[in-house]
Amino acid sequence: MRPSWVRHHGPIKELICDGEGGIAKAFKSFDYLDRNGIRLIPLAVGQRPRIIDRRTALTRETLNKIGTQLRIGGIKIPFEHQLAEAVFAGNALSSANNTIPYNAVYGRVPHLLPNPS
């Protein structure tokens, strides 16, 4: 089964990964990427994909904040839902080149806050 992103939106055009080689050396990963027409771009050893590293850090920080608030409130929500909310927040609240990732995919800006009454 395809991961949900590919199932819903189709495959990405290219995947830039760090030079550690985990993805680049894994046959199953390479086969999956090739089968879906995704071009793998491994960076040289020591180079880092800065944008995705920052995005990962923001997602981790958001997950930590969500987890803290849930613990304080005594609320139990499955991790998959927490992760979905953290990814949505990153897509809806971060901007690059005067647009947000959510808008780039869906062509609209999400409704984040309720209308004032």
Protein backbone atom coordinates (compact mmCIF):
# COMPACT_ATOMS: atom_id res chain seq x y z
CA MET A 1 0.00 0.00 0.00
CA ARG A 2 1.23 3.49 -0.80
CA PRO A 3 1.84 5.98 2.03
CA SER A 4 -1.09 8.35 2.47
CA TRP A 5 0.62 11.35 0.82
CA VAL A 6 1.29 9.45 -2.42
CA ARG A 7 -2.15 7.84 -2.29
CA HIS A 8 -3.89 11.24 -1.97
CA HIS A 9 -1.63 13.64 -3.86
CA GLY A 10 0.60 11.53 -6.08
CA PRO A 11 4.36 11.06 -5.76
CA ILE A 12 6.80 13.90 -5.22
CA LYS A 13 9.21 14.67 -8.07
CA GLU A 14 12.43 14.42 -6.10
CA LEU A 15 13.66 13.42 -2.66
CA ILE A 16 16.74 15.15 -1.28
CA CYS A 17 18.34 13.17 1.54
CA ASP A 18 21.45 13.61 3.64
CA GLY A 19 24.66 11.75 2.88
CA GLU A 20 24.24 9.14 5.61
CA GLY A 21 22.90 6.75 3.02
CA GLY A 22 20.07 5.06 4.92
CA ILE A 23 17.57 5.76 2.16
CA ALA A 24 20.08 5.74 -0.69
CA LYS A 25 21.43 2.29 0.25
CA ALA A 26 18.16 0.58 1.13
CA PHE A 27 17.04 -1.51 -1.84
CA LYS A 28 13.36 -1.33 -0.88
CA SER A 29 13.53 2.47 -0.69
CA PHE A 30 15.28 2.73 -4.03
CA ASP A 31 12.80 0.33 -5.62
CA TYR A 32 9.84 2.28 -4.20
CA LEU A 33 11.24 5.61 -5.40
CA ASP A 34 12.01 4.23 -8.85
CA ARG A 35 8.58 2.58 -9.17
CA ASN A 36 6.87 5.89 -8.33
CA GLY A 37 9.11 8.02 -10.56
CA ILE A 38 10.73 9.87 -7.66
CA ARG A 39 14.28 11.07 -8.33
CA LEU A 40 16.62 10.51 -5.37
CA ILE A 41 19.16 13.27 -4.76
CA PRO A 42 21.62 12.19 -2.04
CA LEU A 43 23.75 15.00 -0.65
CA ALA A 44 27.45 14.54 -0.02
CA VAL A 45 28.50 13.18 3.36
CA GLY A 46 28.45 16.02 5.88
CA GLN A 47 25.94 18.13 3.93
CA ARG A 48 22.55 18.62 5.52
CA PRO A 49 19.18 19.35 3.93
CA ARG A 50 18.72 22.53 6.00
CA ILE A 51 15.09 23.25 5.14
CA ILE A 52 13.83 19.80 6.06
CA ASP A 53 16.03 19.72 9.16
CA ARG A 54 14.36 22.94 10.33
CA ARG A 55 10.93 21.62 9.40
CA THR A 56 11.59 18.43 11.38
CA ALA A 57 12.67 20.49 14.40
CA LEU A 58 9.49 22.60 14.19
CA THR A 59 7.32 19.47 13.93
CA ARG A 60 9.08 17.93 16.93
CA GLU A 61 8.62 21.12 18.96
CA THR A 62 4.93 21.28 18.01
CA LEU A 63 4.46 17.62 18.99
CA ASN A 64 6.09 18.30 22.35
CA LYS A 65 3.74 21.22 22.97
CA ILE A 66 0.69 19.20 21.92
CA GLY A 67 1.77 16.33 24.21
CA THR A 68 2.32 18.68 27.14
CA GLN A 69 -1.11 20.29 26.74
CA LEU A 70 -2.79 16.91 26.45
CA ARG A 71 -1.08 15.66 29.63
CA ILE A 72 -2.05 18.82 31.52
CA GLY A 73 -5.64 18.41 30.39
CA GLY A 74 -5.70 14.68 31.06
CA ILE A 75 -6.70 14.03 27.44
CA LYS A 76 -5.64 10.92 25.54
CA ILE A 77 -5.34 11.19 21.76
CA PRO A 78 -3.55 8.65 19.54
CA PHE A 79 -0.10 9.71 18.37
CA GLU A 80 -1.16 9.54 14.70
CA HIS A 81 -3.72 12.29 15.36
CA GLN A 82 -1.20 14.39 17.27
CA LEU A 83 1.26 14.05 14.38
CA ALA A 84 -1.43 14.97 11.84
CA GLU A 85 -2.20 18.15 13.81
CA ALA A 86 1.50 19.04 14.06
CA VAL A 87 2.01 18.55 10.31
CA PHE A 88 -1.12 20.57 9.55
CA ALA A 89 0.13 23.39 11.78
CA GLY A 90 3.46 23.40 9.94
CA ASN A 91 1.74 23.44 6.56
CA ALA A 92 -0.77 26.11 7.53
CA LEU A 93 1.38 28.44 9.64
CA SER A 94 4.84 28.47 8.04
CA SER A 95 5.56 30.44 4.88
CA ALA A 96 8.11 30.32 2.08
CA ASN A 97 8.23 32.66 -0.89
CA ASN A 98 5.15 34.51 0.38
CA THR A 99 2.94 31.44 0.46
CA ILE A 100 2.24 28.54 2.78
CA PRO A 101 2.73 24.84 1.94
CA TYR A 102 -1.00 24.19 2.44
CA ASN A 103 -1.83 26.76 -0.23
CA ALA A 104 0.74 25.27 -2.61
CA VAL A 105 -0.96 21.86 -2.42
CA TYR A 106 -4.65 22.76 -2.13
CA GLY A 107 -4.75 26.20 -3.79
CA ARG A 108 -6.44 27.86 -0.83
CA VAL A 109 -5.73 29.11 2.65
CA PRO A 110 -7.21 26.99 5.48
CA HIS A 111 -9.75 28.40 7.90
CA LEU A 112 -7.74 28.47 11.11
CA LEU A 113 -9.78 30.57 13.50
CA PRO A 114 -13.55 30.81 13.92
CA ASN A 115 -15.26 33.98 12.76
CA PRO A 116 -15.70 36.52 15.58
CA SER A 117 -19.27 36.61 16.86
